[in-house]
Amino acid sequence: MSQLTENQRVTGLSTGCPVDRISLAESGFTLIELMITVSIMAILLAIAVPSFQNVALSSKLTSLSNNFVASAQLARSEAIKRNTEVTLCASSDGTTCAGAWKDGWVVLAGGAVIYRQDILPNGFLLVDAGGLTSLDFQPSGVGATAADLTLCRSTPEVGSLQRIIHVSATGRPGVEKVPGATSCP
């Protein structure tokens, strides 16, 4: 045990064992240390939160664009399999070709619904610059028209990311990332 005077030694509360005052003073954090730690954490969070928002936006755009690409691939493969024309079109009611892409879409073969996509999440838009609202796939799998649709977030604020979904004249879909977007059509 260390050589301490009687003034420097205190009896422990529960054990009755002597405890050094010096060790009690050195344990724990000071208020200044705690404030500095909290300040550093606040700065790190302020830097990290916008990055997390972009990651979440990118993930959502990727998911939505992949849903559209999967629908185009389904329409193309069904046209080949059924040896009949299959239509991928915007649909607000989930059964007919009426509405805008942001309202959802359906894959139709001979009037029967093969697949239905619900409305896009609030604030997201899917539009074709030419106003195209349907894509027809011939029995050979070839698309009747080519399309370039833009998928973006319009509210609460325009995100810095977009996806351009290309459907070629041969009926093949693909997605292109567009970083640094400043507007959403």
N, C-alpha and C. Protein backbone atom coordinates (compact mmCIF):
# COMPACT_ATOMS: atom_id res chain seq x y z
N MET A 1 0.85 -1.16 0.00
CA MET A 1 0.00 0.00 0.00
C MET A 1 0.90 1.23 0.00
N SER A 2 0.47 2.31 -0.58
CA SER A 2 1.30 3.52 -0.68
C SER A 2 1.38 4.24 0.65
N GLN A 3 2.37 5.03 0.77
CA GLN A 3 2.61 5.80 1.99
C GLN A 3 1.81 7.09 1.91
N LEU A 4 0.65 7.15 2.50
CA LEU A 4 -0.19 8.34 2.49
C LEU A 4 -0.47 8.76 3.91
N THR A 5 -0.65 10.04 4.11
CA THR A 5 -1.02 10.53 5.44
C THR A 5 -2.47 10.22 5.69
N GLU A 6 -2.90 10.36 6.91
CA GLU A 6 -4.28 10.05 7.27
C GLU A 6 -5.26 10.98 6.57
N ASN A 7 -4.89 12.22 6.23
CA ASN A 7 -5.76 13.15 5.51
C ASN A 7 -6.00 12.72 4.07
N GLN A 8 -5.07 11.98 3.51
CA GLN A 8 -5.18 11.57 2.13
C GLN A 8 -5.92 10.26 1.98
N ARG A 9 -6.24 9.60 3.07
CA ARG A 9 -6.89 8.30 3.01
C ARG A 9 -8.35 8.43 3.47
N VAL A 10 -9.25 7.78 2.74
CA VAL A 10 -10.68 7.81 3.07
C VAL A 10 -11.14 6.36 3.12
N THR A 11 -12.07 6.08 3.95
CA THR A 11 -12.57 4.72 4.06
C THR A 11 -13.61 4.50 2.95
N GLY A 12 -13.54 3.33 2.26
CA GLY A 12 -14.51 3.00 1.22
C GLY A 12 -15.90 2.90 1.78
N LEU A 13 -16.92 3.23 0.97
CA LEU A 13 -18.28 3.29 1.46
C LEU A 13 -18.83 1.92 1.82
N SER A 14 -18.70 0.96 0.94
CA SER A 14 -19.34 -0.32 1.19
C SER A 14 -18.39 -1.36 1.78
N THR A 15 -17.09 -1.23 1.50
CA THR A 15 -16.16 -2.27 1.94
C THR A 15 -15.44 -1.93 3.22
N GLY A 16 -15.37 -0.67 3.57
CA GLY A 16 -14.62 -0.27 4.74
C GLY A 16 -13.13 -0.25 4.50
N CYS A 17 -12.71 -0.56 3.26
CA CYS A 17 -11.30 -0.57 2.92
C CYS A 17 -10.84 0.86 2.65
N PRO A 18 -9.61 1.15 2.95
CA PRO A 18 -9.11 2.50 2.67
C PRO A 18 -9.03 2.75 1.17
N VAL A 19 -9.43 3.93 0.72
CA VAL A 19 -9.40 4.34 -0.68
C VAL A 19 -8.63 5.64 -0.75
N ASP A 20 -7.76 5.76 -1.73
CA ASP A 20 -6.98 6.98 -1.88
C ASP A 20 -7.84 8.08 -2.49
N ARG A 21 -7.74 9.29 -1.91
CA ARG A 21 -8.46 10.45 -2.47
C ARG A 21 -7.92 10.80 -3.85
N ILE A 22 -6.70 10.59 -4.06
CA ILE A 22 -6.08 10.92 -5.34
C ILE A 22 -6.72 10.09 -6.45
N SER A 23 -6.99 8.79 -6.23
CA SER A 23 -7.59 7.96 -7.26
C SER A 23 -9.04 8.35 -7.50
N LEU A 24 -9.77 8.82 -6.46
CA LEU A 24 -11.13 9.28 -6.66
C LEU A 24 -11.18 10.54 -7.52
N ALA A 25 -10.25 11.42 -7.36
CA ALA A 25 -10.22 12.67 -8.13
C ALA A 25 -9.87 12.41 -9.59
N GLU A 26 -9.16 11.36 -9.89
CA GLU A 26 -8.72 11.09 -11.26
C GLU A 26 -9.71 10.24 -12.04
N SER A 27 -10.72 9.68 -11.43
CA SER A 27 -11.66 8.84 -12.16
C SER A 27 -12.78 9.69 -12.74
N GLY A 28 -13.30 9.28 -13.94
CA GLY A 28 -14.40 10.00 -14.58
C GLY A 28 -13.92 11.08 -15.54
N PHE A 29 -14.89 11.82 -16.09
CA PHE A 29 -14.61 12.88 -17.05
C PHE A 29 -14.95 14.22 -16.45
N THR A 30 -14.23 15.22 -16.88
CA THR A 30 -14.59 16.57 -16.47
C THR A 30 -15.66 17.08 -17.42
N LEU A 31 -16.32 18.12 -17.03
CA LEU A 31 -17.36 18.72 -17.86
C LEU A 31 -16.78 19.22 -19.18
N ILE A 32 -15.61 19.77 -19.15
CA ILE A 32 -14.94 20.27 -20.36
C ILE A 32 -14.67 19.11 -21.33
N GLU A 33 -14.16 18.01 -20.83
CA GLU A 33 -13.89 16.85 -21.69
C GLU A 33 -15.18 16.34 -22.32
N LEU A 34 -16.23 16.27 -21.55
CA LEU A 34 -17.52 15.82 -22.07
C LEU A 34 -18.05 16.77 -23.14
N MET A 35 -17.93 18.08 -22.92
CA MET A 35 -18.40 19.06 -23.91
C MET A 35 -17.60 18.96 -25.20
N ILE A 36 -16.32 18.76 -25.11
CA ILE A 36 -15.48 18.62 -26.31
C ILE A 36 -15.88 17.36 -27.08
N THR A 37 -16.11 16.27 -26.38
CA THR A 37 -16.51 15.02 -27.03
C THR A 37 -17.85 15.18 -27.74
N VAL A 38 -18.81 15.80 -27.08
CA VAL A 38 -20.12 16.02 -27.70
C VAL A 38 -20.00 16.94 -28.91
N SER A 39 -19.17 17.95 -28.85
CA SER A 39 -18.96 18.87 -29.98
C SER A 39 -18.37 18.14 -31.17
N ILE A 40 -17.39 17.29 -30.93
CA ILE A 40 -16.77 16.52 -32.02
C ILE A 40 -17.80 15.58 -32.65
N MET A 41 -18.62 14.94 -31.84
CA MET A 41 -19.65 14.05 -32.37
C MET A 41 -20.67 14.83 -33.21
N ALA A 42 -21.04 16.02 -32.78
CA ALA A 42 -21.99 16.85 -33.54
C ALA A 42 -21.40 17.24 -34.89
N ILE A 43 -20.13 17.58 -34.93
CA ILE A 43 -19.47 17.93 -36.19
C ILE A 43 -19.43 16.73 -37.13
N LEU A 44 -19.09 15.57 -36.61
CA LEU A 44 -19.04 14.36 -37.43
C LEU A 44 -20.42 14.00 -37.98
N LEU A 45 -21.45 14.14 -37.17
CA LEU A 45 -22.81 13.88 -37.65
C LEU A 45 -23.24 14.87 -38.72
N ALA A 46 -22.88 16.13 -38.55
CA ALA A 46 -23.23 17.15 -39.54
C ALA A 46 -22.58 16.85 -40.89
N ILE A 47 -21.42 16.25 -40.86
CA ILE A 47 -20.74 15.88 -42.10
C ILE A 47 -21.35 14.61 -42.70
N ALA A 48 -21.72 13.65 -41.85
CA ALA A 48 -22.16 12.34 -42.31
C ALA A 48 -23.61 12.30 -42.78
N VAL A 49 -24.51 13.08 -42.19
CA VAL A 49 -25.93 12.99 -42.51
C VAL A 49 -26.22 13.26 -43.99
N PRO A 50 -25.69 14.30 -44.61
CA PRO A 50 -25.97 14.49 -46.05
C PRO A 50 -25.49 13.32 -46.90
N SER A 51 -24.39 12.73 -46.52
CA SER A 51 -23.89 11.57 -47.25
C SER A 51 -24.86 10.41 -47.14
N PHE A 52 -25.42 10.17 -45.97
CA PHE A 52 -26.40 9.11 -45.79
C PHE A 52 -27.66 9.38 -46.60
N GLN A 53 -28.06 10.63 -46.71
CA GLN A 53 -29.24 10.97 -47.50
C GLN A 53 -29.02 10.65 -48.97
N ASN A 54 -27.82 10.94 -49.48
CA ASN A 54 -27.52 10.61 -50.88
C ASN A 54 -27.47 9.11 -51.10
N VAL A 55 -26.96 8.37 -50.13
CA VAL A 55 -26.94 6.91 -50.24
C VAL A 55 -28.36 6.37 -50.27
N ALA A 56 -29.21 6.87 -49.42
CA ALA A 56 -30.61 6.43 -49.38
C ALA A 56 -31.33 6.78 -50.69
N LEU A 57 -31.10 7.98 -51.21
CA LEU A 57 -31.72 8.39 -52.48
C LEU A 57 -31.23 7.50 -53.61
N SER A 58 -29.93 7.25 -53.67
CA SER A 58 -29.37 6.41 -54.71
C SER A 58 -29.95 5.00 -54.65
N SER A 59 -30.10 4.48 -53.47
CA SER A 59 -30.68 3.14 -53.29
C SER A 59 -32.12 3.09 -53.76
N LYS A 60 -32.90 4.10 -53.43
CA LYS A 60 -34.31 4.15 -53.83
C LYS A 60 -34.44 4.27 -55.35
N LEU A 61 -33.62 5.14 -55.96
CA LEU A 61 -33.65 5.29 -57.42
C LEU A 61 -33.24 4.00 -58.12
N THR A 62 -32.24 3.32 -57.58
CA THR A 62 -31.80 2.05 -58.16
C THR A 62 -32.91 1.01 -58.08
N SER A 63 -33.56 0.93 -56.93
CA SER A 63 -34.65 -0.02 -56.76
C SER A 63 -35.81 0.24 -57.72
N LEU A 64 -36.22 1.50 -57.82
CA LEU A 64 -37.33 1.85 -58.71
C LEU A 64 -36.99 1.63 -60.18
N SER A 65 -35.78 2.01 -60.57
CA SER A 65 -35.38 1.81 -61.98
C SER A 65 -35.25 0.32 -62.29
N ASN A 66 -34.77 -0.47 -61.34
CA ASN A 66 -34.69 -1.92 -61.56
C ASN A 66 -36.07 -2.54 -61.70
N ASN A 67 -37.06 -2.02 -60.97
CA ASN A 67 -38.44 -2.50 -61.13
C ASN A 67 -38.95 -2.25 -62.54
N PHE A 68 -38.65 -1.07 -63.08
CA PHE A 68 -39.11 -0.76 -64.43
C PHE A 68 -38.39 -1.64 -65.46
N VAL A 69 -37.09 -1.80 -65.29
CA VAL A 69 -36.31 -2.65 -66.22
C VAL A 69 -36.83 -4.08 -66.17
N ALA A 70 -37.12 -4.59 -64.97
CA ALA A 70 -37.66 -5.94 -64.85
C ALA A 70 -39.02 -6.06 -65.55
N SER A 71 -39.83 -5.01 -65.46
CA SER A 71 -41.13 -5.02 -66.14
C SER A 71 -40.95 -5.03 -67.65
N ALA A 72 -40.00 -4.26 -68.16
CA ALA A 72 -39.73 -4.26 -69.60
C ALA A 72 -39.20 -5.62 -70.06
N GLN A 73 -38.34 -6.23 -69.26
CA GLN A 73 -37.83 -7.56 -69.62
C GLN A 73 -38.95 -8.60 -69.58
N LEU A 74 -39.84 -8.47 -68.60
CA LEU A 74 -40.98 -9.38 -68.53
C LEU A 74 -41.87 -9.22 -69.76
N ALA A 75 -42.17 -7.99 -70.13
CA ALA A 75 -43.02 -7.74 -71.30
C ALA A 75 -42.38 -8.31 -72.57
N ARG A 76 -41.10 -8.12 -72.71
CA ARG A 76 -40.38 -8.63 -73.88
C ARG A 76 -40.40 -10.15 -73.92
N SER A 77 -40.10 -10.78 -72.79
CA SER A 77 -40.06 -12.25 -72.77
C SER A 77 -41.46 -12.85 -72.94
N GLU A 78 -42.48 -12.20 -72.39
CA GLU A 78 -43.85 -12.69 -72.58
C GLU A 78 -44.29 -12.56 -74.03
N ALA A 79 -43.86 -11.50 -74.70
CA ALA A 79 -44.20 -11.34 -76.12
C ALA A 79 -43.60 -12.48 -76.94
N ILE A 80 -42.38 -12.86 -76.61
CA ILE A 80 -41.73 -13.97 -77.32
C ILE A 80 -42.41 -15.28 -76.97
N LYS A 81 -42.65 -15.51 -75.68
CA LYS A 81 -43.23 -16.77 -75.21
C LYS A 81 -44.65 -16.98 -75.74
N ARG A 82 -45.46 -15.93 -75.71
CA ARG A 82 -46.86 -16.05 -76.13
C ARG A 82 -47.05 -15.85 -77.63
N ASN A 83 -45.99 -15.40 -78.30
CA ASN A 83 -46.05 -15.11 -79.74
C ASN A 83 -47.18 -14.13 -80.06
N THR A 84 -47.26 -13.09 -79.22
CA THR A 84 -48.26 -12.05 -79.41
C THR A 84 -47.70 -10.73 -78.89
N GLU A 85 -48.32 -9.62 -79.27
CA GLU A 85 -47.86 -8.32 -78.81
C GLU A 85 -48.19 -8.14 -77.33
N VAL A 86 -47.22 -7.63 -76.58
CA VAL A 86 -47.40 -7.36 -75.15
C VAL A 86 -47.07 -5.89 -74.93
N THR A 87 -47.86 -5.25 -74.08
CA THR A 87 -47.72 -3.81 -73.84
C THR A 87 -47.32 -3.54 -72.40
N LEU A 88 -46.34 -2.66 -72.26
CA LEU A 88 -45.96 -2.11 -70.96
C LEU A 88 -46.42 -0.66 -70.99
N CYS A 89 -47.34 -0.29 -70.10
CA CYS A 89 -47.89 1.06 -70.18
C CYS A 89 -48.14 1.65 -68.80
N ALA A 90 -48.20 2.98 -68.77
CA ALA A 90 -48.53 3.71 -67.55
C ALA A 90 -49.98 3.41 -67.21
N SER A 91 -50.24 3.24 -65.91
CA SER A 91 -51.60 2.91 -65.49
C SER A 91 -51.88 3.47 -64.10
N SER A 92 -52.93 4.25 -64.01
CA SER A 92 -53.31 4.80 -62.71
C SER A 92 -54.26 3.88 -61.96
N ASP A 93 -54.93 2.96 -62.68
CA ASP A 93 -55.87 2.06 -62.01
C ASP A 93 -55.38 0.62 -61.91
N GLY A 94 -54.24 0.31 -62.52
CA GLY A 94 -53.68 -1.03 -62.42
C GLY A 94 -54.29 -2.06 -63.35
N THR A 95 -55.19 -1.63 -64.24
CA THR A 95 -55.82 -2.58 -65.16
C THR A 95 -55.82 -2.11 -66.61
N THR A 96 -55.78 -0.79 -66.84
CA THR A 96 -55.82 -0.25 -68.19
C THR A 96 -54.66 0.71 -68.41
N CYS A 97 -54.43 1.02 -69.67
CA CYS A 97 -53.37 1.96 -70.04
C CYS A 97 -53.90 3.38 -69.99
N ALA A 98 -53.91 3.96 -68.81
CA ALA A 98 -54.37 5.33 -68.62
C ALA A 98 -53.66 5.91 -67.41
N GLY A 99 -53.06 7.07 -67.60
CA GLY A 99 -52.36 7.71 -66.48
C GLY A 99 -50.93 8.05 -66.85
N ALA A 100 -50.15 8.35 -65.84
CA ALA A 100 -48.75 8.71 -66.02
C ALA A 100 -47.88 7.62 -65.39
N TRP A 101 -46.61 7.57 -65.80
CA TRP A 101 -45.70 6.55 -65.28
C TRP A 101 -45.58 6.61 -63.76
N LYS A 102 -45.65 7.82 -63.20
CA LYS A 102 -45.51 7.95 -61.74
C LYS A 102 -46.68 7.32 -60.99
N ASP A 103 -47.79 7.09 -61.70
CA ASP A 103 -48.98 6.46 -61.10
C ASP A 103 -48.87 4.94 -61.06
N GLY A 104 -47.82 4.40 -61.66
CA GLY A 104 -47.64 2.96 -61.73
C GLY A 104 -47.70 2.50 -63.18
N TRP A 105 -47.54 1.20 -63.39
CA TRP A 105 -47.59 0.67 -64.75
C TRP A 105 -48.06 -0.77 -64.71
N VAL A 106 -48.48 -1.25 -65.89
CA VAL A 106 -48.92 -2.64 -66.04
C VAL A 106 -48.29 -3.25 -67.27
N VAL A 107 -48.19 -4.56 -67.25
CA VAL A 107 -47.80 -5.34 -68.43
C VAL A 107 -49.05 -6.09 -68.85
N LEU A 108 -49.50 -5.83 -70.09
CA LEU A 108 -50.73 -6.41 -70.60
C LEU A 108 -50.45 -7.30 -71.80
N ALA A 109 -51.08 -8.46 -71.82
CA ALA A 109 -51.02 -9.37 -72.98
C ALA A 109 -52.46 -9.74 -73.33
N GLY A 110 -52.93 -9.29 -74.49
CA GLY A 110 -54.30 -9.58 -74.91
C GLY A 110 -55.34 -9.07 -73.93
N GLY A 111 -55.07 -7.97 -73.28
CA GLY A 111 -56.01 -7.38 -72.33
C GLY A 111 -55.89 -7.91 -70.91
N ALA A 112 -55.13 -8.99 -70.74
CA ALA A 112 -54.96 -9.57 -69.40
C ALA A 112 -53.73 -8.95 -68.73
N VAL A 113 -53.87 -8.62 -67.46
CA VAL A 113 -52.76 -8.04 -66.71
C VAL A 113 -51.82 -9.16 -66.28
N ILE A 114 -50.56 -9.03 -66.69
CA ILE A 114 -49.53 -10.01 -66.31
C ILE A 114 -48.80 -9.53 -65.06
N TYR A 115 -48.56 -8.22 -65.01
CA TYR A 115 -47.83 -7.64 -63.88
C TYR A 115 -48.36 -6.24 -63.63
N ARG A 116 -48.41 -5.85 -62.37
CA ARG A 116 -48.87 -4.51 -62.00
C ARG A 116 -47.90 -3.90 -60.99
N GLN A 117 -47.43 -2.69 -61.28
CA GLN A 117 -46.56 -1.94 -60.38
C GLN A 117 -47.38 -0.82 -59.77
N ASP A 118 -47.33 -0.72 -58.45
CA ASP A 118 -48.08 0.33 -57.76
C ASP A 118 -47.47 1.71 -58.01
N ILE A 119 -48.16 2.71 -57.53
CA ILE A 119 -47.73 4.10 -57.65
C ILE A 119 -46.33 4.27 -57.06
N LEU A 120 -45.56 5.17 -57.63
CA LEU A 120 -44.23 5.45 -57.11
C LEU A 120 -44.34 6.15 -55.76
N PRO A 121 -43.32 6.01 -54.92
CA PRO A 121 -43.36 6.71 -53.63
C PRO A 121 -43.53 8.22 -53.82
N ASN A 122 -44.13 8.84 -52.83
CA ASN A 122 -44.39 10.28 -52.88
C ASN A 122 -43.11 11.06 -53.16
N GLY A 123 -43.16 11.96 -54.12
CA GLY A 123 -42.02 12.81 -54.44
C GLY A 123 -41.15 12.32 -55.58
N PHE A 124 -41.39 11.11 -56.09
CA PHE A 124 -40.59 10.58 -57.20
C PHE A 124 -41.38 10.69 -58.50
N LEU A 125 -40.66 10.98 -59.58
CA LEU A 125 -41.28 11.10 -60.90
C LEU A 125 -40.59 10.15 -61.88
N LEU A 126 -41.38 9.60 -62.79
CA LEU A 126 -40.88 8.82 -63.91
C LEU A 126 -41.58 9.36 -65.14
N VAL A 127 -40.83 10.02 -66.02
CA VAL A 127 -41.44 10.66 -67.20
C VAL A 127 -40.61 10.38 -68.44
N ASP A 128 -41.30 10.38 -69.58
CA ASP A 128 -40.65 10.30 -70.87
C ASP A 128 -40.70 11.69 -71.49
N ALA A 129 -39.56 12.16 -71.98
CA ALA A 129 -39.48 13.52 -72.52
C ALA A 129 -40.44 13.72 -73.69
N GLY A 130 -40.71 12.68 -74.44
CA GLY A 130 -41.62 12.78 -75.58
C GLY A 130 -43.07 12.54 -75.22
N GLY A 131 -43.37 12.29 -73.96
CA GLY A 131 -44.75 12.07 -73.54
C GLY A 131 -45.24 10.65 -73.79
N LEU A 132 -44.36 9.74 -74.12
CA LEU A 132 -44.72 8.35 -74.37
C LEU A 132 -45.23 7.69 -73.09
N THR A 133 -46.37 7.01 -73.16
CA THR A 133 -46.92 6.35 -71.97
C THR A 133 -47.11 4.84 -72.16
N SER A 134 -46.68 4.31 -73.30
CA SER A 134 -46.76 2.85 -73.48
C SER A 134 -45.65 2.37 -74.40
N LEU A 135 -45.23 1.14 -74.15
CA LEU A 135 -44.21 0.48 -74.97
C LEU A 135 -44.79 -0.85 -75.43
N ASP A 136 -44.77 -1.08 -76.72
CA ASP A 136 -45.29 -2.33 -77.27
C ASP A 136 -44.12 -3.22 -77.67
N PHE A 137 -44.23 -4.50 -77.33
CA PHE A 137 -43.20 -5.47 -77.69
C PHE A 137 -43.83 -6.48 -78.64
N GLN A 138 -43.21 -6.65 -79.80
CA GLN A 138 -43.69 -7.55 -80.84
C GLN A 138 -43.39 -9.00 -80.48
N PRO A 139 -44.03 -9.97 -81.15
CA PRO A 139 -43.78 -11.39 -80.86
C PRO A 139 -42.31 -11.80 -81.03
N SER A 140 -41.56 -11.04 -81.78
CA SER A 140 -40.13 -11.33 -81.95
C SER A 140 -39.30 -10.78 -80.78
N GLY A 141 -39.94 -10.02 -79.89
CA GLY A 141 -39.24 -9.42 -78.76
C GLY A 141 -38.76 -8.01 -79.02
N VAL A 142 -38.91 -7.56 -80.25
CA VAL A 142 -38.46 -6.22 -80.64
C VAL A 142 -39.49 -5.21 -80.17
N GLY A 143 -39.00 -4.09 -79.64
CA GLY A 143 -39.90 -3.02 -79.21
C GLY A 143 -40.37 -2.23 -80.41
N ALA A 144 -41.58 -1.75 -80.37
CA ALA A 144 -42.11 -0.96 -81.48
C ALA A 144 -41.50 0.44 -81.49
N THR A 145 -41.18 0.97 -80.32
CA THR A 145 -40.59 2.30 -80.22
C THR A 145 -39.50 2.29 -79.16
N ALA A 146 -38.53 3.16 -79.35
CA ALA A 146 -37.48 3.35 -78.35
C ALA A 146 -37.97 4.41 -77.35
N ALA A 147 -37.49 4.32 -76.12
CA ALA A 147 -37.92 5.28 -75.10
C ALA A 147 -36.76 5.59 -74.16
N ASP A 148 -36.73 6.81 -73.68
CA ASP A 148 -35.79 7.24 -72.64
C ASP A 148 -36.61 7.89 -71.54
N LEU A 149 -36.75 7.20 -70.43
CA LEU A 149 -37.52 7.72 -69.30
C LEU A 149 -36.57 8.21 -68.22
N THR A 150 -36.94 9.31 -67.58
CA THR A 150 -36.14 9.89 -66.50
C THR A 150 -36.82 9.61 -65.18
N LEU A 151 -36.06 9.04 -64.25
CA LEU A 151 -36.54 8.77 -62.90
C LEU A 151 -35.77 9.68 -61.95
N CYS A 152 -36.51 10.46 -61.15
CA CYS A 152 -35.86 11.40 -60.25
C CYS A 152 -36.77 11.70 -59.06
N ARG A 153 -36.20 12.39 -58.08
CA ARG A 153 -36.99 12.85 -56.94
C ARG A 153 -37.28 14.33 -57.16
N SER A 154 -38.55 14.69 -57.09
CA SER A 154 -38.93 16.09 -57.34
C SER A 154 -39.23 16.85 -56.05
N THR A 155 -39.70 16.15 -55.02
CA THR A 155 -40.00 16.81 -53.75
C THR A 155 -39.54 15.90 -52.62
N PRO A 156 -39.22 16.35 -51.46
CA PRO A 156 -39.32 17.72 -50.96
C PRO A 156 -38.26 18.62 -51.57
N GLU A 157 -37.15 18.06 -52.03
CA GLU A 157 -36.16 18.84 -52.76
C GLU A 157 -35.60 17.94 -53.85
N VAL A 158 -35.19 18.55 -54.94
CA VAL A 158 -34.65 17.78 -56.05
C VAL A 158 -33.33 17.15 -55.61
N GLY A 159 -33.24 15.86 -55.77
CA GLY A 159 -32.00 15.18 -55.41
C GLY A 159 -30.94 15.43 -56.46
N SER A 160 -29.71 15.14 -56.12
CA SER A 160 -28.60 15.36 -57.05
C SER A 160 -28.37 14.14 -57.94
N LEU A 161 -29.23 13.15 -57.85
CA LEU A 161 -29.09 11.94 -58.63
C LEU A 161 -30.34 11.69 -59.46
N GLN A 162 -30.14 11.11 -60.63
CA GLN A 162 -31.25 10.70 -61.49
C GLN A 162 -30.87 9.38 -62.14
N ARG A 163 -31.86 8.72 -62.70
CA ARG A 163 -31.64 7.53 -63.51
C ARG A 163 -32.35 7.75 -64.84
N ILE A 164 -31.66 7.44 -65.92
CA ILE A 164 -32.27 7.45 -67.25
C ILE A 164 -32.45 5.99 -67.64
N ILE A 165 -33.69 5.61 -67.90
CA ILE A 165 -33.99 4.24 -68.29
C ILE A 165 -34.18 4.24 -69.80
N HIS A 166 -33.30 3.52 -70.48
CA HIS A 166 -33.35 3.41 -71.95
C HIS A 166 -34.02 2.09 -72.31
N VAL A 167 -34.96 2.15 -73.23
CA VAL A 167 -35.50 0.94 -73.84
C VAL A 167 -35.23 1.12 -75.34
N SER A 168 -34.35 0.29 -75.86
CA SER A 168 -33.92 0.45 -77.25
C SER A 168 -35.01 -0.04 -78.21
N ALA A 169 -34.82 0.25 -79.49
CA ALA A 169 -35.77 -0.18 -80.51
C ALA A 169 -35.78 -1.70 -80.64
N THR A 170 -34.72 -2.36 -80.16
CA THR A 170 -34.70 -3.82 -80.17
C THR A 170 -35.40 -4.40 -78.94
N GLY A 171 -35.85 -3.53 -78.03
CA GLY A 171 -36.59 -3.97 -76.86
C GLY A 171 -35.74 -4.21 -75.62
N ARG A 172 -34.45 -3.92 -75.69
CA ARG A 172 -33.57 -4.15 -74.54
C ARG A 172 -33.55 -2.93 -73.62
N PRO A 173 -33.85 -3.14 -72.34
CA PRO A 173 -33.80 -2.03 -71.39
C PRO A 173 -32.43 -1.90 -70.73
N GLY A 174 -32.12 -0.71 -70.28
CA GLY A 174 -30.89 -0.45 -69.54
C GLY A 174 -31.05 0.81 -68.71
N VAL A 175 -30.15 0.98 -67.75
CA VAL A 175 -30.23 2.13 -66.83
C VAL A 175 -28.90 2.86 -66.84
N GLU A 176 -28.99 4.19 -66.83
CA GLU A 176 -27.81 5.05 -66.77
C GLU A 176 -27.93 5.97 -65.57
N LYS A 177 -26.88 6.02 -64.75
CA LYS A 177 -26.86 6.95 -63.62
C LYS A 177 -26.50 8.33 -64.12
N VAL A 178 -27.19 9.35 -63.58
CA VAL A 178 -26.89 10.74 -63.93
C VAL A 178 -26.60 11.49 -62.64
N PRO A 179 -25.32 11.59 -62.25
CA PRO A 179 -24.99 12.35 -61.04
C PRO A 179 -25.00 13.85 -61.32
N GLY A 180 -25.19 14.63 -60.29
CA GLY A 180 -25.12 16.10 -60.43
C GLY A 180 -26.32 16.71 -61.09
N ALA A 181 -27.46 16.03 -61.07
CA ALA A 181 -28.67 16.58 -61.68
C ALA A 181 -29.14 17.79 -60.86
N THR A 182 -29.62 18.80 -61.55
CA THR A 182 -30.08 20.01 -60.85
C THR A 182 -31.58 20.23 -60.98
N SER A 183 -32.25 19.47 -61.85
CA SER A 183 -33.69 19.64 -62.00
C SER A 183 -34.33 18.28 -62.25
N CYS A 184 -35.60 18.22 -61.98
CA CYS A 184 -36.38 17.00 -62.22
C CYS A 184 -37.54 17.40 -63.11
N PRO A 185 -37.62 16.78 -64.30
CA PRO A 185 -38.66 17.20 -65.25
C PRO A 185 -40.08 17.14 -64.72
